[in-house]
């Protein structure tokens, strides 16, 4: 390993992964939902927030739509 490196000749380039970075958001979730995903995450050996992200990503990939017609008042 060199004692010093010359970085003056380096050129900047855009981060190829910048488009895939995650964005921090605040969500209010029910305790039962959080507990459910935490339990599944523990069984799978992944962080629960990553598991929620994977689940939502799958919903996007499959173009899933939720049926919320039961929320409509008669």
N, C-alpha and C. Protein backbone atom coordinates (compact mmCIF):
# COMPACT_ATOMS: atom_id res chain seq x y z
N UNK A 1 0.84 -1.18 0.00
CA UNK A 1 0.00 0.00 0.00
C UNK A 1 0.88 1.24 0.00
N UNK A 2 0.53 2.22 -0.78
CA UNK A 2 1.31 3.45 -0.85
C UNK A 2 1.08 4.29 0.40
N UNK A 3 2.05 5.09 0.71
CA UNK A 3 1.92 6.01 1.85
C UNK A 3 0.96 7.13 1.48
N UNK A 4 0.99 7.57 0.21
CA UNK A 4 0.09 8.63 -0.25
C UNK A 4 -0.43 8.29 -1.65
N UNK A 5 -1.61 8.76 -1.93
CA UNK A 5 -2.21 8.55 -3.25
C UNK A 5 -2.50 9.91 -3.87
N UNK A 6 -2.36 10.00 -5.18
CA UNK A 6 -2.63 11.23 -5.91
C UNK A 6 -4.03 11.16 -6.51
N UNK A 7 -4.95 11.89 -5.91
CA UNK A 7 -6.34 11.90 -6.37
C UNK A 7 -6.63 13.07 -7.32
N UNK A 8 -5.62 13.88 -7.62
CA UNK A 8 -5.84 15.07 -8.44
C UNK A 8 -6.21 14.72 -9.89
N UNK A 9 -5.83 13.55 -10.35
CA UNK A 9 -6.11 13.16 -11.73
C UNK A 9 -7.42 12.39 -11.88
N UNK A 10 -8.12 12.20 -10.79
CA UNK A 10 -9.39 11.46 -10.84
C UNK A 10 -10.47 12.34 -11.44
N UNK A 11 -11.36 11.73 -12.19
CA UNK A 11 -12.49 12.46 -12.76
C UNK A 11 -13.77 11.99 -12.07
N UNK A 12 -14.67 12.93 -11.88
CA UNK A 12 -15.94 12.61 -11.23
C UNK A 12 -16.86 11.92 -12.24
N UNK A 13 -17.68 11.02 -11.75
CA UNK A 13 -18.68 10.38 -12.60
C UNK A 13 -19.94 10.16 -11.77
N UNK A 14 -21.08 10.17 -12.41
CA UNK A 14 -22.33 10.01 -11.67
C UNK A 14 -22.45 8.61 -11.05
N UNK A 15 -23.12 8.56 -9.93
CA UNK A 15 -23.36 7.29 -9.25
C UNK A 15 -24.39 6.50 -10.05
N UNK A 16 -24.02 5.30 -10.55
CA UNK A 16 -24.98 4.53 -11.36
C UNK A 16 -26.13 3.96 -10.53
N UNK A 17 -25.99 3.97 -9.22
CA UNK A 17 -27.03 3.43 -8.35
C UNK A 17 -27.92 4.51 -7.75
N UNK A 18 -27.67 5.77 -8.09
CA UNK A 18 -28.41 6.87 -7.49
C UNK A 18 -29.91 6.77 -7.75
N UNK A 19 -30.30 6.28 -8.90
CA UNK A 19 -31.72 6.16 -9.23
C UNK A 19 -32.41 5.09 -8.39
N UNK A 20 -31.62 4.17 -7.83
CA UNK A 20 -32.20 3.08 -7.07
C UNK A 20 -32.11 3.29 -5.56
N UNK A 21 -31.66 4.47 -5.14
CA UNK A 21 -31.56 4.74 -3.72
C UNK A 21 -32.95 4.80 -3.09
N UNK A 22 -33.00 4.46 -1.83
CA UNK A 22 -34.28 4.49 -1.12
C UNK A 22 -34.53 5.87 -0.55
N UNK A 23 -35.80 6.21 -0.45
CA UNK A 23 -36.21 7.50 0.10
C UNK A 23 -36.87 7.26 1.44
N UNK A 24 -36.49 8.02 2.41
CA UNK A 24 -37.06 7.89 3.75
C UNK A 24 -38.45 8.53 3.78
N UNK A 25 -39.43 7.78 4.29
CA UNK A 25 -40.79 8.30 4.44
C UNK A 25 -41.29 7.95 5.85
N UNK A 26 -42.26 8.70 6.30
CA UNK A 26 -42.89 8.42 7.58
C UNK A 26 -44.27 7.83 7.31
N UNK A 27 -44.54 6.68 7.92
CA UNK A 27 -45.84 6.04 7.74
C UNK A 27 -46.38 5.68 9.11
N UNK A 28 -47.67 5.77 9.25
CA UNK A 28 -48.31 5.34 10.48
C UNK A 28 -48.95 3.98 10.21
N UNK A 29 -48.41 2.96 10.86
CA UNK A 29 -48.90 1.60 10.67
C UNK A 29 -49.44 1.08 11.99
N UNK A 30 -50.43 0.22 11.90
CA UNK A 30 -50.99 -0.40 13.10
C UNK A 30 -49.97 -1.32 13.76
N UNK A 31 -50.05 -1.45 15.06
CA UNK A 31 -49.12 -2.32 15.79
C UNK A 31 -49.22 -3.75 15.31
N UNK A 32 -50.44 -4.20 14.99
CA UNK A 32 -50.60 -5.57 14.51
C UNK A 32 -49.87 -5.79 13.18
N UNK A 33 -49.86 -4.77 12.31
CA UNK A 33 -49.16 -4.87 11.03
C UNK A 33 -47.65 -4.94 11.27
N UNK A 34 -47.16 -4.09 12.13
CA UNK A 34 -45.73 -4.08 12.44
C UNK A 34 -45.31 -5.41 13.06
N UNK A 35 -46.09 -5.90 14.01
CA UNK A 35 -45.78 -7.18 14.65
C UNK A 35 -45.77 -8.32 13.64
N UNK A 36 -46.72 -8.30 12.71
CA UNK A 36 -46.80 -9.33 11.67
C UNK A 36 -45.53 -9.35 10.83
N UNK A 37 -45.12 -8.17 10.35
CA UNK A 37 -43.93 -8.11 9.51
C UNK A 37 -42.65 -8.37 10.30
N UNK A 38 -42.61 -7.96 11.56
CA UNK A 38 -41.44 -8.25 12.39
C UNK A 38 -41.29 -9.76 12.59
N UNK A 39 -42.39 -10.45 12.81
CA UNK A 39 -42.33 -11.90 13.00
C UNK A 39 -41.87 -12.58 11.70
N UNK A 40 -42.44 -12.17 10.57
CA UNK A 40 -42.04 -12.75 9.29
C UNK A 40 -40.57 -12.44 9.00
N UNK A 41 -40.13 -11.24 9.32
CA UNK A 41 -38.76 -10.83 9.07
C UNK A 41 -37.78 -11.65 9.91
N UNK A 42 -38.16 -11.90 11.15
CA UNK A 42 -37.30 -12.70 12.03
C UNK A 42 -37.15 -14.12 11.48
N UNK A 43 -38.25 -14.69 11.00
CA UNK A 43 -38.21 -16.03 10.42
C UNK A 43 -37.35 -16.07 9.16
N UNK A 44 -37.41 -14.98 8.37
CA UNK A 44 -36.67 -14.92 7.11
C UNK A 44 -35.23 -14.44 7.30
N UNK A 45 -34.96 -13.84 8.45
CA UNK A 45 -33.61 -13.35 8.72
C UNK A 45 -33.27 -12.06 8.02
N UNK A 46 -34.28 -11.21 7.83
CA UNK A 46 -34.06 -9.90 7.20
C UNK A 46 -34.69 -8.83 8.07
N UNK A 47 -34.25 -7.58 7.96
CA UNK A 47 -34.89 -6.49 8.71
C UNK A 47 -36.35 -6.32 8.27
N UNK A 48 -37.22 -6.01 9.22
CA UNK A 48 -38.64 -5.93 8.89
C UNK A 48 -38.96 -4.82 7.91
N UNK A 49 -38.22 -3.71 7.96
CA UNK A 49 -38.48 -2.63 7.00
C UNK A 49 -38.11 -3.07 5.59
N UNK A 50 -37.06 -3.86 5.47
CA UNK A 50 -36.69 -4.40 4.15
C UNK A 50 -37.76 -5.35 3.65
N UNK A 51 -38.33 -6.14 4.56
CA UNK A 51 -39.39 -7.07 4.18
C UNK A 51 -40.63 -6.32 3.69
N UNK A 52 -40.98 -5.26 4.37
CA UNK A 52 -42.12 -4.44 3.94
C UNK A 52 -41.83 -3.85 2.57
N UNK A 53 -40.61 -3.37 2.35
CA UNK A 53 -40.23 -2.81 1.06
C UNK A 53 -40.31 -3.88 -0.04
N UNK A 54 -39.84 -5.08 0.25
CA UNK A 54 -39.92 -6.17 -0.73
C UNK A 54 -41.37 -6.51 -1.06
N UNK A 55 -42.22 -6.53 -0.05
CA UNK A 55 -43.64 -6.83 -0.27
C UNK A 55 -44.28 -5.75 -1.16
N UNK A 56 -44.01 -4.50 -0.84
CA UNK A 56 -44.59 -3.41 -1.64
C UNK A 56 -44.02 -3.41 -3.05
N UNK A 57 -42.73 -3.72 -3.19
CA UNK A 57 -42.12 -3.80 -4.52
C UNK A 57 -42.79 -4.90 -5.34
N UNK A 58 -43.11 -6.03 -4.70
CA UNK A 58 -43.81 -7.10 -5.40
C UNK A 58 -45.19 -6.65 -5.84
N UNK A 59 -45.86 -5.88 -5.00
CA UNK A 59 -47.18 -5.34 -5.38
C UNK A 59 -47.06 -4.45 -6.62
N UNK A 60 -46.01 -3.64 -6.67
CA UNK A 60 -45.79 -2.77 -7.82
C UNK A 60 -45.51 -3.61 -9.06
N UNK A 61 -44.63 -4.61 -8.93
CA UNK A 61 -44.25 -5.45 -10.07
C UNK A 61 -45.45 -6.22 -10.62
N UNK A 62 -46.34 -6.65 -9.74
CA UNK A 62 -47.51 -7.43 -10.15
C UNK A 62 -48.73 -6.55 -10.48
N UNK A 63 -48.57 -5.24 -10.35
CA UNK A 63 -49.65 -4.28 -10.61
C UNK A 63 -50.89 -4.61 -9.78
N UNK A 64 -50.66 -4.95 -8.53
CA UNK A 64 -51.79 -5.30 -7.66
C UNK A 64 -52.58 -4.06 -7.27
N UNK A 65 -53.87 -4.22 -7.24
CA UNK A 65 -54.78 -3.14 -6.83
C UNK A 65 -55.57 -3.64 -5.63
N UNK A 66 -55.77 -2.78 -4.67
CA UNK A 66 -56.53 -3.17 -3.49
C UNK A 66 -58.01 -2.82 -3.70
N UNK A 67 -58.86 -3.69 -3.23
CA UNK A 67 -60.31 -3.45 -3.32
C UNK A 67 -60.75 -2.79 -2.03
N UNK A 68 -61.02 -1.50 -2.09
CA UNK A 68 -61.46 -0.78 -0.89
C UNK A 68 -62.93 -0.35 -1.02
N UNK A 69 -63.67 -1.10 -1.81
CA UNK A 69 -65.09 -0.75 -2.01
C UNK A 69 -65.87 -0.85 -0.72
N UNK A 70 -65.40 -1.65 0.23
CA UNK A 70 -66.09 -1.79 1.52
C UNK A 70 -66.01 -0.53 2.34
N UNK A 71 -65.11 0.40 1.96
CA UNK A 71 -65.01 1.67 2.66
C UNK A 71 -66.09 2.65 2.23
N UNK A 72 -66.69 2.43 1.08
CA UNK A 72 -67.73 3.31 0.57
C UNK A 72 -68.98 3.21 1.41
N UNK A 73 -69.59 4.35 1.66
CA UNK A 73 -70.83 4.36 2.44
C UNK A 73 -72.01 4.14 1.48
N UNK A 74 -72.97 3.34 1.89
CA UNK A 74 -74.13 3.06 1.02
C UNK A 74 -75.00 4.27 0.79
